[in-house]
Amino acid sequence: KNGGGETREIVNIVSPDAAFLWRASVATL
């Protein structure tokens, strides 16, 4: 979101009033 790195999204359970209800990912450091 802040442009500072990369991630691989595993799952994003959407929500009608937010970007997600819950989400999981693996980020590269």
mmCIF file of all heavy atoms, coordinates in Angstrom:
data_MODEL
# 
_entry.id   MODEL 
# 
loop_
_atom_site.group_PDB 
_atom_site.id 
_atom_site.type_symbol 
_atom_site.label_atom_id 
_atom_site.label_alt_id 
_atom_site.label_comp_id 
_atom_site.label_asym_id 
_atom_site.label_entity_id 
_atom_site.label_seq_id 
_atom_site.pdbx_PDB_ins_code 
_atom_site.Cartn_x 
_atom_site.Cartn_y 
_atom_site.Cartn_z 
_atom_site.occupancy 
_atom_site.B_iso_or_equiv 
_atom_site.pdbx_formal_charge 
_atom_site.auth_seq_id 
_atom_site.auth_comp_id 
_atom_site.auth_asym_id 
_atom_site.auth_atom_id 
_atom_site.pdbx_PDB_model_num 
ATOM 1   N N   . LYS A 1 1  ? 0.831   -1.206  0.000  1.00 0.00 ? 1  LYS A N   1 
ATOM 2   C CA  . LYS A 1 1  ? 0.000   0.000   0.000  1.00 0.00 ? 1  LYS A CA  1 
ATOM 3   C C   . LYS A 1 1  ? 0.867   1.259   0.000  1.00 0.00 ? 1  LYS A C   1 
ATOM 4   O O   . LYS A 1 1  ? 0.563   2.220   -0.693 1.00 0.00 ? 1  LYS A O   1 
ATOM 5   C CB  . LYS A 1 1  ? -0.922  -0.033  1.229  1.00 0.00 ? 1  LYS A CB  1 
ATOM 6   C CG  . LYS A 1 1  ? -1.821  1.153   1.390  1.00 0.00 ? 1  LYS A CG  1 
ATOM 7   C CD  . LYS A 1 1  ? -2.683  0.983   2.647  1.00 0.00 ? 1  LYS A CD  1 
ATOM 8   C CE  . LYS A 1 1  ? -3.299  2.274   3.092  1.00 0.00 ? 1  LYS A CE  1 
ATOM 9   N NZ  . LYS A 1 1  ? -4.001  2.130   4.361  1.00 0.00 ? 1  LYS A NZ  1 
ATOM 10  N N   . ASN A 1 2  ? 1.996   1.238   0.729  1.00 0.00 ? 2  ASN A N   1 
ATOM 11  C CA  . ASN A 1 2  ? 2.860   2.421   0.802  1.00 0.00 ? 2  ASN A CA  1 
ATOM 12  C C   . ASN A 1 2  ? 3.968   2.411   -0.262 1.00 0.00 ? 2  ASN A C   1 
ATOM 13  O O   . ASN A 1 2  ? 4.806   3.292   -0.290 1.00 0.00 ? 2  ASN A O   1 
ATOM 14  C CB  . ASN A 1 2  ? 3.462   2.580   2.200  1.00 0.00 ? 2  ASN A CB  1 
ATOM 15  C CG  . ASN A 1 2  ? 4.507   1.518   2.527  1.00 0.00 ? 2  ASN A CG  1 
ATOM 16  O OD1 . ASN A 1 2  ? 4.876   0.682   1.699  1.00 0.00 ? 2  ASN A OD1 1 
ATOM 17  N ND2 . ASN A 1 2  ? 4.980   1.540   3.759  1.00 0.00 ? 2  ASN A ND2 1 
ATOM 18  N N   . GLY A 1 3  ? 3.970   1.386   -1.124 1.00 0.00 ? 3  GLY A N   1 
ATOM 19  C CA  . GLY A 1 3  ? 4.954   1.316   -2.201 1.00 0.00 ? 3  GLY A CA  1 
ATOM 20  C C   . GLY A 1 3  ? 6.334   0.851   -1.776 1.00 0.00 ? 3  GLY A C   1 
ATOM 21  O O   . GLY A 1 3  ? 7.246   0.775   -2.588 1.00 0.00 ? 3  GLY A O   1 
ATOM 22  N N   . GLY A 1 4  ? 6.504   0.488   -0.500 1.00 0.00 ? 4  GLY A N   1 
ATOM 23  C CA  . GLY A 1 4  ? 7.822   0.165   0.037  1.00 0.00 ? 4  GLY A CA  1 
ATOM 24  C C   . GLY A 1 4  ? 8.302   -1.256  -0.162 1.00 0.00 ? 4  GLY A C   1 
ATOM 25  O O   . GLY A 1 4  ? 9.405   -1.589  0.232  1.00 0.00 ? 4  GLY A O   1 
ATOM 26  N N   . GLY A 1 5  ? 7.488   -2.115  -0.765 1.00 0.00 ? 5  GLY A N   1 
ATOM 27  C CA  . GLY A 1 5  ? 7.896   -3.503  -0.950 1.00 0.00 ? 5  GLY A CA  1 
ATOM 28  C C   . GLY A 1 5  ? 6.895   -4.255  -1.802 1.00 0.00 ? 5  GLY A C   1 
ATOM 29  O O   . GLY A 1 5  ? 6.005   -3.661  -2.407 1.00 0.00 ? 5  GLY A O   1 
ATOM 30  N N   . GLU A 1 6  ? 7.059   -5.581  -1.828 1.00 0.00 ? 6  GLU A N   1 
ATOM 31  C CA  . GLU A 1 6  ? 6.186   -6.433  -2.636 1.00 0.00 ? 6  GLU A CA  1 
ATOM 32  C C   . GLU A 1 6  ? 5.541   -7.516  -1.783 1.00 0.00 ? 6  GLU A C   1 
ATOM 33  O O   . GLU A 1 6  ? 6.098   -7.918  -0.765 1.00 0.00 ? 6  GLU A O   1 
ATOM 34  C CB  . GLU A 1 6  ? 6.985   -7.110  -3.749 1.00 0.00 ? 6  GLU A CB  1 
ATOM 35  C CG  . GLU A 1 6  ? 7.553   -6.150  -4.750 1.00 0.00 ? 6  GLU A CG  1 
ATOM 36  C CD  . GLU A 1 6  ? 8.360   -6.858  -5.816 1.00 0.00 ? 6  GLU A CD  1 
ATOM 37  O OE1 . GLU A 1 6  ? 8.813   -8.008  -5.589 1.00 0.00 ? 6  GLU A OE1 1 
ATOM 38  O OE2 . GLU A 1 6  ? 8.533   -6.256  -6.885 1.00 0.00 ? 6  GLU A OE2 1 
ATOM 39  N N   . THR A 1 7  ? 4.388   -7.982  -2.234 1.00 0.00 ? 7  THR A N   1 
ATOM 40  C CA  . THR A 1 7  ? 3.680   -9.037  -1.538 1.00 0.00 ? 7  THR A CA  1 
ATOM 41  C C   . THR A 1 7  ? 3.017   -9.967  -2.545 1.00 0.00 ? 7  THR A C   1 
ATOM 42  O O   . THR A 1 7  ? 2.784   -9.580  -3.693 1.00 0.00 ? 7  THR A O   1 
ATOM 43  C CB  . THR A 1 7  ? 2.630   -8.460  -0.561 1.00 0.00 ? 7  THR A CB  1 
ATOM 44  O OG1 . THR A 1 7  ? 2.167   -9.486  0.302  1.00 0.00 ? 7  THR A OG1 1 
ATOM 45  C CG2 . THR A 1 7  ? 1.470   -7.819  -1.279 1.00 0.00 ? 7  THR A CG2 1 
ATOM 46  N N   . ARG A 1 8  ? 2.749   -11.171 -2.096 1.00 0.00 ? 8  ARG A N   1 
ATOM 47  C CA  . ARG A 1 8  ? 1.987   -12.147 -2.884 1.00 0.00 ? 8  ARG A CA  1 
ATOM 48  C C   . ARG A 1 8  ? 0.729   -12.453 -2.075 1.00 0.00 ? 8  ARG A C   1 
ATOM 49  O O   . ARG A 1 8  ? 0.814   -13.044 -1.008 1.00 0.00 ? 8  ARG A O   1 
ATOM 50  C CB  . ARG A 1 8  ? 2.805   -13.413 -3.115 1.00 0.00 ? 8  ARG A CB  1 
ATOM 51  C CG  . ARG A 1 8  ? 4.000   -13.195 -4.019 1.00 0.00 ? 8  ARG A CG  1 
ATOM 52  C CD  . ARG A 1 8  ? 4.811   -14.482 -4.165 1.00 0.00 ? 8  ARG A CD  1 
ATOM 53  N NE  . ARG A 1 8  ? 5.972   -14.258 -4.984 1.00 0.00 ? 8  ARG A NE  1 
ATOM 54  C CZ  . ARG A 1 8  ? 6.031   -14.474 -6.296 1.00 0.00 ? 8  ARG A CZ  1 
ATOM 55  N NH1 . ARG A 1 8  ? 4.968   -14.931 -6.920 1.00 0.00 ? 8  ARG A NH1 1 
ATOM 56  N NH2 . ARG A 1 8  ? 7.130   -14.249 -6.971 1.00 0.00 ? 8  ARG A NH2 1 
ATOM 57  N N   . GLU A 1 9  ? -0.413  -12.034 -2.588 1.00 0.00 ? 9  GLU A N   1 
ATOM 58  C CA  . GLU A 1 9  ? -1.673  -12.218 -1.873 1.00 0.00 ? 9  GLU A CA  1 
ATOM 59  C C   . GLU A 1 9  ? -2.174  -13.648 -2.026 1.00 0.00 ? 9  GLU A C   1 
ATOM 60  O O   . GLU A 1 9  ? -2.325  -14.150 -3.137 1.00 0.00 ? 9  GLU A O   1 
ATOM 61  C CB  . GLU A 1 9  ? -2.709  -11.232 -2.391 1.00 0.00 ? 9  GLU A CB  1 
ATOM 62  C CG  . GLU A 1 9  ? -3.986  -11.233 -1.571 1.00 0.00 ? 9  GLU A CG  1 
ATOM 63  C CD  . GLU A 1 9  ? -4.911  -10.121 -1.982 1.00 0.00 ? 9  GLU A CD  1 
ATOM 64  O OE1 . GLU A 1 9  ? -5.613  -10.297 -2.986 1.00 0.00 ? 9  GLU A OE1 1 
ATOM 65  O OE2 . GLU A 1 9  ? -4.903  -9.078  -1.303 1.00 0.00 ? 9  GLU A OE2 1 
ATOM 66  N N   . ILE A 1 10 ? -2.424  -14.296 -0.895 1.00 0.00 ? 10 ILE A N   1 
ATOM 67  C CA  . ILE A 1 10 ? -2.972  -15.653 -0.867 1.00 0.00 ? 10 ILE A CA  1 
ATOM 68  C C   . ILE A 1 10 ? -4.486  -15.613 -0.996 1.00 0.00 ? 10 ILE A C   1 
ATOM 69  O O   . ILE A 1 10 ? -5.080  -16.343 -1.781 1.00 0.00 ? 10 ILE A O   1 
ATOM 70  C CB  . ILE A 1 10 ? -2.557  -16.379 0.433  1.00 0.00 ? 10 ILE A CB  1 
ATOM 71  C CG1 . ILE A 1 10 ? -1.036  -16.535 0.484  1.00 0.00 ? 10 ILE A CG1 1 
ATOM 72  C CG2 . ILE A 1 10 ? -3.267  -17.722 0.551  1.00 0.00 ? 10 ILE A CG2 1 
ATOM 73  C CD1 . ILE A 1 10 ? -0.507  -16.967 1.842  1.00 0.00 ? 10 ILE A CD1 1 
ATOM 74  N N   . VAL A 1 11 ? -5.109  -14.754 -0.203 1.00 0.00 ? 11 VAL A N   1 
ATOM 75  C CA  . VAL A 1 11 ? -6.568  -14.655 -0.202 1.00 0.00 ? 11 VAL A CA  1 
ATOM 76  C C   . VAL A 1 11 ? -6.971  -13.259 0.254  1.00 0.00 ? 11 VAL A C   1 
ATOM 77  O O   . VAL A 1 11 ? -6.294  -12.646 1.082  1.00 0.00 ? 11 VAL A O   1 
ATOM 78  C CB  . VAL A 1 11 ? -7.207  -15.743 0.713  1.00 0.00 ? 11 VAL A CB  1 
ATOM 79  C CG1 . VAL A 1 11 ? -6.773  -15.598 2.151  1.00 0.00 ? 11 VAL A CG1 1 
ATOM 80  C CG2 . VAL A 1 11 ? -8.724  -15.771 0.597  1.00 0.00 ? 11 VAL A CG2 1 
ATOM 81  N N   . ASN A 1 12 ? -8.080  -12.765 -0.300 1.00 0.00 ? 12 ASN A N   1 
ATOM 82  C CA  . ASN A 1 12 ? -8.651  -11.484 0.093  1.00 0.00 ? 12 ASN A CA  1 
ATOM 83  C C   . ASN A 1 12 ? -10.164 -11.664 0.114  1.00 0.00 ? 12 ASN A C   1 
ATOM 84  O O   . ASN A 1 12 ? -10.795 -11.742 -0.936 1.00 0.00 ? 12 ASN A O   1 
ATOM 85  C CB  . ASN A 1 12 ? -8.252  -10.388 -0.902 1.00 0.00 ? 12 ASN A CB  1 
ATOM 86  C CG  . ASN A 1 12 ? -8.780  -9.028  -0.505 1.00 0.00 ? 12 ASN A CG  1 
ATOM 87  O OD1 . ASN A 1 12 ? -9.718  -8.891  0.272  1.00 0.00 ? 12 ASN A OD1 1 
ATOM 88  N ND2 . ASN A 1 12 ? -8.176  -7.992  -1.053 1.00 0.00 ? 12 ASN A ND2 1 
ATOM 89  N N   . ILE A 1 13 ? -10.722 -11.772 1.313  1.00 0.00 ? 13 ILE A N   1 
ATOM 90  C CA  . ILE A 1 13 ? -12.169 -11.915 1.472  1.00 0.00 ? 13 ILE A CA  1 
ATOM 91  C C   . ILE A 1 13 ? -12.743 -10.501 1.531  1.00 0.00 ? 13 ILE A C   1 
ATOM 92  O O   . ILE A 1 13 ? -12.487 -9.759  2.474  1.00 0.00 ? 13 ILE A O   1 
ATOM 93  C CB  . ILE A 1 13 ? -12.529 -12.724 2.739  1.00 0.00 ? 13 ILE A CB  1 
ATOM 94  C CG1 . ILE A 1 13 ? -11.849 -14.097 2.713  1.00 0.00 ? 13 ILE A CG1 1 
ATOM 95  C CG2 . ILE A 1 13 ? -14.045 -12.834 2.882  1.00 0.00 ? 13 ILE A CG2 1 
ATOM 96  C CD1 . ILE A 1 13 ? -12.186 -14.972 1.526  1.00 0.00 ? 13 ILE A CD1 1 
ATOM 97  N N   . VAL A 1 14 ? -13.465 -10.128 0.494  1.00 0.00 ? 14 VAL A N   1 
ATOM 98  C CA  . VAL A 1 14 ? -13.942 -8.757  0.346  1.00 0.00 ? 14 VAL A CA  1 
ATOM 99  C C   . VAL A 1 14 ? -15.056 -8.434  1.333  1.00 0.00 ? 14 VAL A C   1 
ATOM 100 O O   . VAL A 1 14 ? -15.711 -9.316  1.870  1.00 0.00 ? 14 VAL A O   1 
ATOM 101 C CB  . VAL A 1 14 ? -14.406 -8.476  -1.105 1.00 0.00 ? 14 VAL A CB  1 
ATOM 102 C CG1 . VAL A 1 14 ? -13.244 -8.587  -2.060 1.00 0.00 ? 14 VAL A CG1 1 
ATOM 103 C CG2 . VAL A 1 14 ? -15.529 -9.403  -1.503 1.00 0.00 ? 14 VAL A CG2 1 
ATOM 104 N N   . SER A 1 15 ? -15.219 -7.141  1.540  1.00 0.00 ? 15 SER A N   1 
ATOM 105 C CA  . SER A 1 15 ? -16.236 -6.616  2.432  1.00 0.00 ? 15 SER A CA  1 
ATOM 106 C C   . SER A 1 15 ? -16.933 -5.469  1.711  1.00 0.00 ? 15 SER A C   1 
ATOM 107 O O   . SER A 1 15 ? -16.278 -4.726  0.979  1.00 0.00 ? 15 SER A O   1 
ATOM 108 C CB  . SER A 1 15 ? -15.572 -6.105  3.716  1.00 0.00 ? 15 SER A CB  1 
ATOM 109 O OG  . SER A 1 15 ? -16.494 -5.426  4.521  1.00 0.00 ? 15 SER A OG  1 
ATOM 110 N N   . PRO A 1 16 ? -18.245 -5.301  1.902  1.00 0.00 ? 16 PRO A N   1 
ATOM 111 C CA  . PRO A 1 16 ? -18.934 -4.216  1.198  1.00 0.00 ? 16 PRO A CA  1 
ATOM 112 C C   . PRO A 1 16 ? -18.514 -2.819  1.658  1.00 0.00 ? 16 PRO A C   1 
ATOM 113 O O   . PRO A 1 16 ? -18.672 -1.860  0.922  1.00 0.00 ? 16 PRO A O   1 
ATOM 114 C CB  . PRO A 1 16 ? -20.412 -4.471  1.497  1.00 0.00 ? 16 PRO A CB  1 
ATOM 115 C CG  . PRO A 1 16 ? -20.429 -5.308  2.721  1.00 0.00 ? 16 PRO A CG  1 
ATOM 116 C CD  . PRO A 1 16 ? -19.157 -6.105  2.703  1.00 0.00 ? 16 PRO A CD  1 
ATOM 117 N N   . ASP A 1 17 ? -17.941 -2.710  2.856  1.00 0.00 ? 17 ASP A N   1 
ATOM 118 C CA  . ASP A 1 17 ? -17.612 -1.391  3.391  1.00 0.00 ? 17 ASP A CA  1 
ATOM 119 C C   . ASP A 1 17 ? -16.129 -1.188  3.688  1.00 0.00 ? 17 ASP A C   1 
ATOM 120 O O   . ASP A 1 17 ? -15.757 -0.232  4.347  1.00 0.00 ? 17 ASP A O   1 
ATOM 121 C CB  . ASP A 1 17 ? -18.427 -1.145  4.662  1.00 0.00 ? 17 ASP A CB  1 
ATOM 122 C CG  . ASP A 1 17 ? -18.146 -2.180  5.742  1.00 0.00 ? 17 ASP A CG  1 
ATOM 123 O OD1 . ASP A 1 17 ? -17.518 -3.212  5.436  1.00 0.00 ? 17 ASP A OD1 1 
ATOM 124 O OD2 . ASP A 1 17 ? -18.560 -1.958  6.890  1.00 0.00 ? 17 ASP A OD2 1 
ATOM 125 N N   . ALA A 1 18 ? -15.278 -2.083  3.191  1.00 0.00 ? 18 ALA A N   1 
ATOM 126 C CA  . ALA A 1 18 ? -13.837 -1.959  3.426  1.00 0.00 ? 18 ALA A CA  1 
ATOM 127 C C   . ALA A 1 18 ? -13.094 -2.705  2.313  1.00 0.00 ? 18 ALA A C   1 
ATOM 128 O O   . ALA A 1 18 ? -13.698 -3.444  1.532  1.00 0.00 ? 18 ALA A O   1 
ATOM 129 C CB  . ALA A 1 18 ? -13.472 -2.545  4.794  1.00 0.00 ? 18 ALA A CB  1 
ATOM 130 N N   . ALA A 1 19 ? -11.792 -2.513  2.258  1.00 0.00 ? 19 ALA A N   1 
ATOM 131 C CA  . ALA A 1 19 ? -10.983 -3.172  1.231  1.00 0.00 ? 19 ALA A CA  1 
ATOM 132 C C   . ALA A 1 19 ? -11.005 -4.696  1.379  1.00 0.00 ? 19 ALA A C   1 
ATOM 133 O O   . ALA A 1 19 ? -10.848 -5.417  0.401  1.00 0.00 ? 19 ALA A O   1 
ATOM 134 C CB  . ALA A 1 19 ? -9.555  -2.656  1.290  1.00 0.00 ? 19 ALA A CB  1 
ATOM 135 N N   . PHE A 1 20 ? -11.219 -5.162  2.619  1.00 0.00 ? 20 PHE A N   1 
ATOM 136 C CA  . PHE A 1 20 ? -11.279 -6.598  2.883  1.00 0.00 ? 20 PHE A CA  1 
ATOM 137 C C   . PHE A 1 20 ? -11.908 -6.832  4.239  1.00 0.00 ? 20 PHE A C   1 
ATOM 138 O O   . PHE A 1 20 ? -11.877 -5.973  5.109  1.00 0.00 ? 20 PHE A O   1 
ATOM 139 C CB  . PHE A 1 20 ? -9.878  -7.235  2.847  1.00 0.00 ? 20 PHE A CB  1 
ATOM 140 C CG  . PHE A 1 20 ? -8.898  -6.573  3.781  1.00 0.00 ? 20 PHE A CG  1 
ATOM 141 C CD1 . PHE A 1 20 ? -8.835  -6.930  5.114  1.00 0.00 ? 20 PHE A CD1 1 
ATOM 142 C CD2 . PHE A 1 20 ? -8.052  -5.583  3.330  1.00 0.00 ? 20 PHE A CD2 1 
ATOM 143 C CE1 . PHE A 1 20 ? -7.950  -6.309  5.987  1.00 0.00 ? 20 PHE A CE1 1 
ATOM 144 C CE2 . PHE A 1 20 ? -7.162  -4.955  4.196  1.00 0.00 ? 20 PHE A CE2 1 
ATOM 145 C CZ  . PHE A 1 20 ? -7.117  -5.324  5.521  1.00 0.00 ? 20 PHE A CZ  1 
ATOM 146 N N   . LEU A 1 21 ? -12.478 -8.032  4.415  1.00 0.00 ? 21 LEU A N   1 
ATOM 147 C CA  . LEU A 1 21 ? -12.900 -8.509  5.731  1.00 0.00 ? 21 LEU A CA  1 
ATOM 148 C C   . LEU A 1 21 ? -11.685 -9.135  6.409  1.00 0.00 ? 21 LEU A C   1 
ATOM 149 O O   . LEU A 1 21 ? -11.380 -8.849  7.547  1.00 0.00 ? 21 LEU A O   1 
ATOM 150 C CB  . LEU A 1 21 ? -14.036 -9.521  5.598  1.00 0.00 ? 21 LEU A CB  1 
ATOM 151 C CG  . LEU A 1 21 ? -14.488 -10.217 6.872  1.00 0.00 ? 21 LEU A CG  1 
ATOM 152 C CD1 . LEU A 1 21 ? -14.975 -9.202  7.904  1.00 0.00 ? 21 LEU A CD1 1 
ATOM 153 C CD2 . LEU A 1 21 ? -15.567 -11.235 6.572  1.00 0.00 ? 21 LEU A CD2 1 
ATOM 154 N N   . TRP A 1 22 ? -10.994 -9.988  5.629  1.00 0.00 ? 22 TRP A N   1 
ATOM 155 C CA  . TRP A 1 22 ? -9.704  -10.507 6.055  1.00 0.00 ? 22 TRP A CA  1 
ATOM 156 C C   . TRP A 1 22 ? -8.901  -10.866 4.820  1.00 0.00 ? 22 TRP A C   1 
ATOM 157 O O   . TRP A 1 22 ? -9.457  -11.147 3.761  1.00 0.00 ? 22 TRP A O   1 
ATOM 158 C CB  . TRP A 1 22 ? -9.828  -11.666 7.036  1.00 0.00 ? 22 TRP A CB  1 
ATOM 159 C CG  . TRP A 1 22 ? -10.461 -12.935 6.545  1.00 0.00 ? 22 TRP A CG  1 
ATOM 160 C CD1 . TRP A 1 22 ? -11.799 -13.215 6.510  1.00 0.00 ? 22 TRP A CD1 1 
ATOM 161 C CD2 . TRP A 1 22 ? -9.801  -14.117 6.065  1.00 0.00 ? 22 TRP A CD2 1 
ATOM 162 N NE1 . TRP A 1 22 ? -12.002 -14.499 6.026  1.00 0.00 ? 22 TRP A NE1 1 
ATOM 163 C CE2 . TRP A 1 22 ? -10.794 -15.078 5.748  1.00 0.00 ? 22 TRP A CE2 1 
ATOM 164 C CE3 . TRP A 1 22 ? -8.471  -14.473 5.874  1.00 0.00 ? 22 TRP A CE3 1 
ATOM 165 C CZ2 . TRP A 1 22 ? -10.505 -16.336 5.246  1.00 0.00 ? 22 TRP A CZ2 1 
ATOM 166 C CZ3 . TRP A 1 22 ? -8.171  -15.735 5.381  1.00 0.00 ? 22 TRP A CZ3 1 
ATOM 167 C CH2 . TRP A 1 22 ? -9.172  -16.652 5.072  1.00 0.00 ? 22 TRP A CH2 1 
ATOM 168 N N   . ARG A 1 23 ? -7.573  -10.795 4.974  1.00 0.00 ? 23 ARG A N   1 
ATOM 169 C CA  . ARG A 1 23 ? -6.694  -11.127 3.862  1.00 0.00 ? 23 ARG A CA  1 
ATOM 170 C C   . ARG A 1 23 ? -5.389  -11.688 4.404  1.00 0.00 ? 23 ARG A C   1 
ATOM 171 O O   . ARG A 1 23 ? -4.988  -11.379 5.536  1.00 0.00 ? 23 ARG A O   1 
ATOM 172 C CB  . ARG A 1 23 ? -6.445  -9.942  2.945  1.00 0.00 ? 23 ARG A CB  1 
ATOM 173 C CG  . ARG A 1 23 ? -5.522  -8.891  3.495  1.00 0.00 ? 23 ARG A CG  1 
ATOM 174 C CD  . ARG A 1 23 ? -5.298  -7.727  2.535  1.00 0.00 ? 23 ARG A CD  1 
ATOM 175 N NE  . ARG A 1 23 ? -4.466  -8.066  1.405  1.00 0.00 ? 23 ARG A NE  1 
ATOM 176 C CZ  . ARG A 1 23 ? -3.156  -7.823  1.325  1.00 0.00 ? 23 ARG A CZ  1 
ATOM 177 N NH1 . ARG A 1 23 ? -2.534  -7.240  2.334  1.00 0.00 ? 23 ARG A NH1 1 
ATOM 178 N NH2 . ARG A 1 23 ? -2.468  -8.157  0.260  1.00 0.00 ? 23 ARG A NH2 1 
ATOM 179 N N   . ALA A 1 24 ? -4.743  -12.518 3.587  1.00 0.00 ? 24 ALA A N   1 
ATOM 180 C CA  . ALA A 1 24 ? -3.457  -13.105 3.960  1.00 0.00 ? 24 ALA A CA  1 
ATOM 181 C C   . ALA A 1 24 ? -2.508  -12.994 2.772  1.00 0.00 ? 24 ALA A C   1 
ATOM 182 O O   . ALA A 1 24 ? -2.934  -13.113 1.616  1.00 0.00 ? 24 ALA A O   1 
ATOM 183 C CB  . ALA A 1 24 ? -3.629  -14.570 4.362  1.00 0.00 ? 24 ALA A CB  1 
ATOM 184 N N   . SER A 1 25 ? -1.226  -12.770 3.075  1.00 0.00 ? 25 SER A N   1 
ATOM 185 C CA  . SER A 1 25 ? -0.234  -12.621 2.029  1.00 0.00 ? 25 SER A CA  1 
ATOM 186 C C   . SER A 1 25 ? 1.149   -12.981 2.566  1.00 0.00 ? 25 SER A C   1 
ATOM 187 O O   . SER A 1 25 ? 1.352   -13.098 3.771  1.00 0.00 ? 25 SER A O   1 
ATOM 188 C CB  . SER A 1 25 ? -0.228  -11.187 1.490  1.00 0.00 ? 25 SER A CB  1 
ATOM 189 O OG  . SER A 1 25 ? 0.125   -10.286 2.528  1.00 0.00 ? 25 SER A OG  1 
ATOM 190 N N   . VAL A 1 26 ? 2.083   -13.136 1.634  1.00 0.00 ? 26 VAL A N   1 
ATOM 191 C CA  . VAL A 1 26 ? 3.492   -13.334 1.976  1.00 0.00 ? 26 VAL A CA  1 
ATOM 192 C C   . VAL A 1 26 ? 4.264   -12.189 1.348  1.00 0.00 ? 26 VAL A C   1 
ATOM 193 O O   . VAL A 1 26 ? 4.236   -12.005 0.121  1.00 0.00 ? 26 VAL A O   1 
ATOM 194 C CB  . VAL A 1 26 ? 4.009   -14.702 1.480  1.00 0.00 ? 26 VAL A CB  1 
ATOM 195 C CG1 . VAL A 1 26 ? 5.511   -14.815 1.708  1.00 0.00 ? 26 VAL A CG1 1 
ATOM 196 C CG2 . VAL A 1 26 ? 3.280   -15.838 2.191  1.00 0.00 ? 26 VAL A CG2 1 
ATOM 197 N N   . ALA A 1 27 ? 4.946   -11.405 2.177  1.00 0.00 ? 27 ALA A N   1 
ATOM 198 C CA  . ALA A 1 27 ? 5.697   -10.244 1.714  1.00 0.00 ? 27 ALA A CA  1 
ATOM 199 C C   . ALA A 1 27 ? 7.185   -10.545 1.641  1.00 0.00 ? 27 ALA A C   1 
ATOM 200 O O   . ALA A 1 27 ? 7.709   -11.336 2.428  1.00 0.00 ? 27 ALA A O   1 
ATOM 201 C CB  . ALA A 1 27 ? 5.468   -9.064  2.664  1.00 0.00 ? 27 ALA A CB  1 
ATOM 202 N N   . THR A 1 28 ? 7.842   -9.894  0.699  1.00 0.00 ? 28 THR A N   1 
ATOM 203 C CA  . THR A 1 28 ? 9.297   -9.976  0.568  1.00 0.00 ? 28 THR A CA  1 
ATOM 204 C C   . THR A 1 28 ? 9.913   -8.835  1.359  1.00 0.00 ? 28 THR A C   1 
ATOM 205 O O   . THR A 1 28 ? 9.482   -7.689  1.250  1.00 0.00 ? 28 THR A O   1 
ATOM 206 C CB  . THR A 1 28 ? 9.713   -9.880  -0.910 1.00 0.00 ? 28 THR A CB  1 
ATOM 207 O OG1 . THR A 1 28 ? 9.089   -10.945 -1.611 1.00 0.00 ? 28 THR A OG1 1 
ATOM 208 C CG2 . THR A 1 28 ? 11.215  -9.985  -1.062 1.00 0.00 ? 28 THR A CG2 1 
ATOM 209 N N   . LEU A 1 29 ? 10.906  -9.155  2.171  1.00 0.00 ? 29 LEU A N   1 
ATOM 210 C CA  . LEU A 1 29 ? 11.612  -8.155  2.975  1.00 0.00 ? 29 LEU A CA  1 
ATOM 211 C C   . LEU A 1 29 ? 12.988  -7.949  2.357  1.00 0.00 ? 29 LEU A C   1 
ATOM 212 O O   . LEU A 1 29 ? 13.881  -8.767  2.526  1.00 0.00 ? 29 LEU A O   1 
ATOM 213 C CB  . LEU A 1 29 ? 11.744  -8.644  4.420  1.00 0.00 ? 29 LEU A CB  1 
ATOM 214 C CG  . LEU A 1 29 ? 10.435  -8.970  5.129  1.00 0.00 ? 29 LEU A CG  1 
ATOM 215 C CD1 . LEU A 1 29 ? 10.697  -9.684  6.437  1.00 0.00 ? 29 LEU A CD1 1 
ATOM 216 C CD2 . LEU A 1 29 ? 9.635   -7.704  5.355  1.00 0.00 ? 29 LEU A CD2 1 
# 
